[in-house]
């Protein structure tokens, strides 16, 4: 009987799908809001892909907010930048990386359940097109300044007009 269960367990393991994005790791994750009364915030990090195939980040979820979207900034004219949802997500090239950073691509949290304090952990699960998921702990850091070369968001309202 033990041998039968062992063979069945082994067969089940080999039948599990192989996820192409299992080689994705995260470096330098952090979260910030636009202030103590914020209803939205954003997560930033670098996604590193050690795998042989490109990966596509297509979504995220967290108990911290009612809705998460993948966003980017686009120039709409006269030096004005506007955030927009990127429905197709972000490609992380094989043996490469993709930065989620201020003023560019990021994970947008809308309808925050509460505003994390400086140093609090924020749990988020990244979702990839191949069905794989990656839980990530990001640290709330509203004191971080943009790295050299990144644009500042200035007084941009991160609410996107969301009613959450």
Protein backbone atom coordinates (compact mmCIF):
# COMPACT_ATOMS: atom_id res chain seq x y z
CA UNK A 1 0.00 0.00 0.00
CA UNK A 2 2.85 2.39 0.86
CA UNK A 3 4.45 1.78 -2.52
CA UNK A 4 1.16 2.54 -4.31
CA UNK A 5 0.80 5.85 -2.49
CA UNK A 6 4.41 6.74 -3.21
CA UNK A 7 3.98 6.03 -6.93
CA UNK A 8 0.74 8.02 -6.99
CA UNK A 9 2.40 10.93 -5.20
CA UNK A 10 5.33 10.85 -7.63
CA UNK A 11 2.97 10.81 -10.61
CA UNK A 12 1.11 13.80 -9.20
CA UNK A 13 4.34 15.76 -8.78
CA UNK A 14 5.42 15.07 -12.36
CA UNK A 15 1.95 16.03 -13.62
CA UNK A 16 2.16 19.48 -12.00
CA UNK A 17 2.63 22.24 -14.57
CA UNK A 18 6.07 23.79 -14.87
CA UNK A 19 5.88 27.55 -14.57
CA UNK A 20 8.24 29.54 -16.76
CA UNK A 21 8.27 32.45 -14.31
CA UNK A 22 9.47 30.49 -11.29
CA UNK A 23 12.93 32.01 -11.85
CA UNK A 24 11.71 35.55 -11.18
CA UNK A 25 13.03 37.22 -8.03
CA UNK A 26 12.55 40.70 -6.60
CA UNK A 27 15.12 43.17 -5.35
CA UNK A 28 14.76 46.51 -3.55
CA UNK A 29 10.97 46.40 -2.97
CA UNK A 30 9.31 49.36 -1.27
CA UNK A 31 5.87 50.98 -0.93
CA UNK A 32 4.86 54.60 -0.61
CA UNK A 33 1.74 56.70 -0.37
CA UNK A 34 1.08 60.34 -1.11
CA UNK A 35 0.47 61.10 2.59
CA UNK A 36 -1.18 60.14 5.88
CA UNK A 37 -4.71 60.53 4.47
CA UNK A 38 -3.92 58.76 1.21
CA UNK A 39 -6.43 56.43 -0.39
CA UNK A 40 -3.81 55.05 -2.76
CA UNK A 41 -0.17 54.06 -2.88
CA UNK A 42 2.34 52.32 -5.09
CA UNK A 43 4.89 49.52 -4.88
CA UNK A 44 8.26 49.70 -6.59
CA UNK A 45 10.92 47.02 -7.09
CA UNK A 46 13.20 45.41 -9.63
CA UNK A 47 11.96 42.14 -11.15
CA UNK A 48 14.86 39.85 -12.08
CA UNK A 49 14.35 36.89 -14.42
CA UNK A 50 17.02 34.17 -14.24
CA UNK A 51 14.99 31.91 -16.53
CA UNK A 52 15.41 31.07 -20.20
CA UNK A 53 11.96 32.47 -21.13
CA UNK A 54 10.47 35.95 -20.96
CA UNK A 55 7.88 36.41 -18.20
CA UNK A 56 4.86 38.68 -18.22
CA UNK A 57 3.68 40.29 -14.97
CA UNK A 58 -0.08 40.65 -15.48
CA UNK A 59 -1.47 41.53 -12.06
CA UNK A 60 -1.14 41.73 -8.31
CA UNK A 61 -3.27 41.36 -5.20
CA UNK A 62 -3.03 42.50 -1.60
CA UNK A 63 -5.29 42.79 1.43
CA UNK A 64 -4.08 46.39 1.80
CA UNK A 65 -6.37 47.75 -0.90
CA UNK A 66 -9.59 47.03 -2.71
CA UNK A 67 -7.95 47.17 -6.14
CA UNK A 68 -4.47 46.79 -7.58
CA UNK A 69 -3.45 47.67 -11.13
CA UNK A 70 -0.22 47.74 -13.09
CA UNK A 71 0.44 51.34 -14.10
CA UNK A 72 2.88 53.45 -16.02
CA UNK A 73 3.36 57.16 -16.64
CA UNK A 74 2.88 58.64 -20.08
CA UNK A 75 3.51 62.16 -21.27
CA UNK A 76 0.30 63.78 -22.45
CA UNK A 77 1.86 67.04 -23.62
CA UNK A 78 3.38 70.24 -22.26
CA UNK A 79 5.52 68.23 -19.84
CA UNK A 80 2.46 66.81 -18.09
CA UNK A 81 2.68 63.17 -17.02
CA UNK A 82 -0.36 61.01 -16.37
CA UNK A 83 -0.64 57.53 -14.87
CA UNK A 84 -2.38 54.85 -16.93
CA UNK A 85 -3.21 51.21 -16.38
CA UNK A 86 -1.15 48.76 -18.44
CA UNK A 87 -3.62 45.94 -19.04
CA UNK A 88 -1.09 43.66 -20.76
CA UNK A 89 1.35 44.04 -17.88
CA UNK A 90 5.12 44.20 -17.96
CA UNK A 91 7.59 41.91 -19.74
CA UNK A 92 10.57 40.68 -17.78
CA UNK A 93 13.07 39.48 -20.40
CA UNK A 94 14.83 36.12 -20.03
CA UNK A 95 18.11 36.61 -18.15
CA UNK A 96 17.14 40.26 -17.66
CA UNK A 97 15.21 42.58 -15.41
CA UNK A 98 12.42 45.13 -15.41
CA UNK A 99 12.35 48.04 -12.95
CA UNK A 100 9.14 49.22 -11.34
CA UNK A 101 10.11 52.73 -10.27
CA UNK A 102 8.73 56.13 -9.42
CA UNK A 103 7.68 58.09 -12.47
CA UNK A 104 7.49 54.93 -14.57
CA UNK A 105 6.01 51.41 -14.26
CA UNK A 106 4.63 50.46 -10.82
CA UNK A 107 2.00 48.46 -8.93
CA UNK A 108 -0.83 50.84 -8.00
CA UNK A 109 -2.87 50.24 -4.83
CA UNK A 110 -6.28 51.96 -4.90
CA UNK A 111 -8.79 52.06 -2.05
CA UNK A 112 -6.32 51.46 0.79
CA UNK A 113 -7.81 49.73 3.84
CA UNK A 114 -5.30 51.69 5.96
CA UNK A 115 -2.15 53.71 5.41
CA UNK A 116 0.98 51.80 6.40
CA UNK A 117 3.39 53.65 8.66
CA UNK A 118 7.07 54.10 7.86
CA UNK A 119 8.80 50.70 8.09
CA UNK A 120 5.59 48.61 8.03
CA UNK A 121 5.57 45.47 5.89
CA UNK A 122 3.09 45.36 3.02
CA UNK A 123 2.28 41.93 1.57
CA UNK A 124 1.59 41.72 -2.16
CA UNK A 125 1.34 38.77 -4.51
CA UNK A 126 2.58 39.25 -8.06
CA UNK A 127 0.67 37.30 -10.74
CA UNK A 128 2.27 36.16 -13.98
CA UNK A 129 0.70 35.20 -17.32
CA UNK A 130 1.82 31.57 -16.95
CA UNK A 131 -0.28 31.22 -13.77
CA UNK A 132 2.62 31.42 -11.35
CA UNK A 133 2.49 33.76 -8.37
CA UNK A 134 5.21 35.36 -6.29
CA UNK A 135 4.48 36.62 -2.75
CA UNK A 136 6.56 39.70 -1.95
CA UNK A 137 6.97 41.73 1.23
CA UNK A 138 7.53 45.40 0.48
CA UNK A 139 8.47 47.90 3.18
CA UNK A 140 6.60 51.20 3.56
CA UNK A 141 9.15 53.94 2.89
CA UNK A 142 7.76 57.42 2.34
CA UNK A 143 11.14 58.98 3.13
CA UNK A 144 13.03 57.47 0.18
CA UNK A 145 14.10 59.99 -2.41
CA UNK A 146 14.04 59.09 -6.10
CA UNK A 147 17.28 57.61 -7.38
CA UNK A 148 19.35 59.78 -9.63
CA UNK A 149 17.89 59.66 -13.13
CA UNK A 150 14.34 58.95 -12.00
CA UNK A 151 11.77 61.69 -12.35
CA UNK A 152 9.99 63.06 -9.32
CA UNK A 153 6.25 62.79 -9.06
CA UNK A 154 6.06 66.19 -7.40
CA UNK A 155 2.60 67.03 -6.12
CA UNK A 156 0.90 64.44 -8.31
CA UNK A 157 -2.38 63.15 -6.88
CA UNK A 158 -2.05 59.36 -6.82
CA UNK A 159 -5.81 58.83 -6.53
CA UNK A 160 -6.36 58.65 -10.34
CA UNK A 161 -9.85 59.89 -9.67
CA UNK A 162 -10.70 56.48 -8.17
CA UNK A 163 -13.83 56.44 -6.08
CA UNK A 164 -12.59 53.67 -3.78
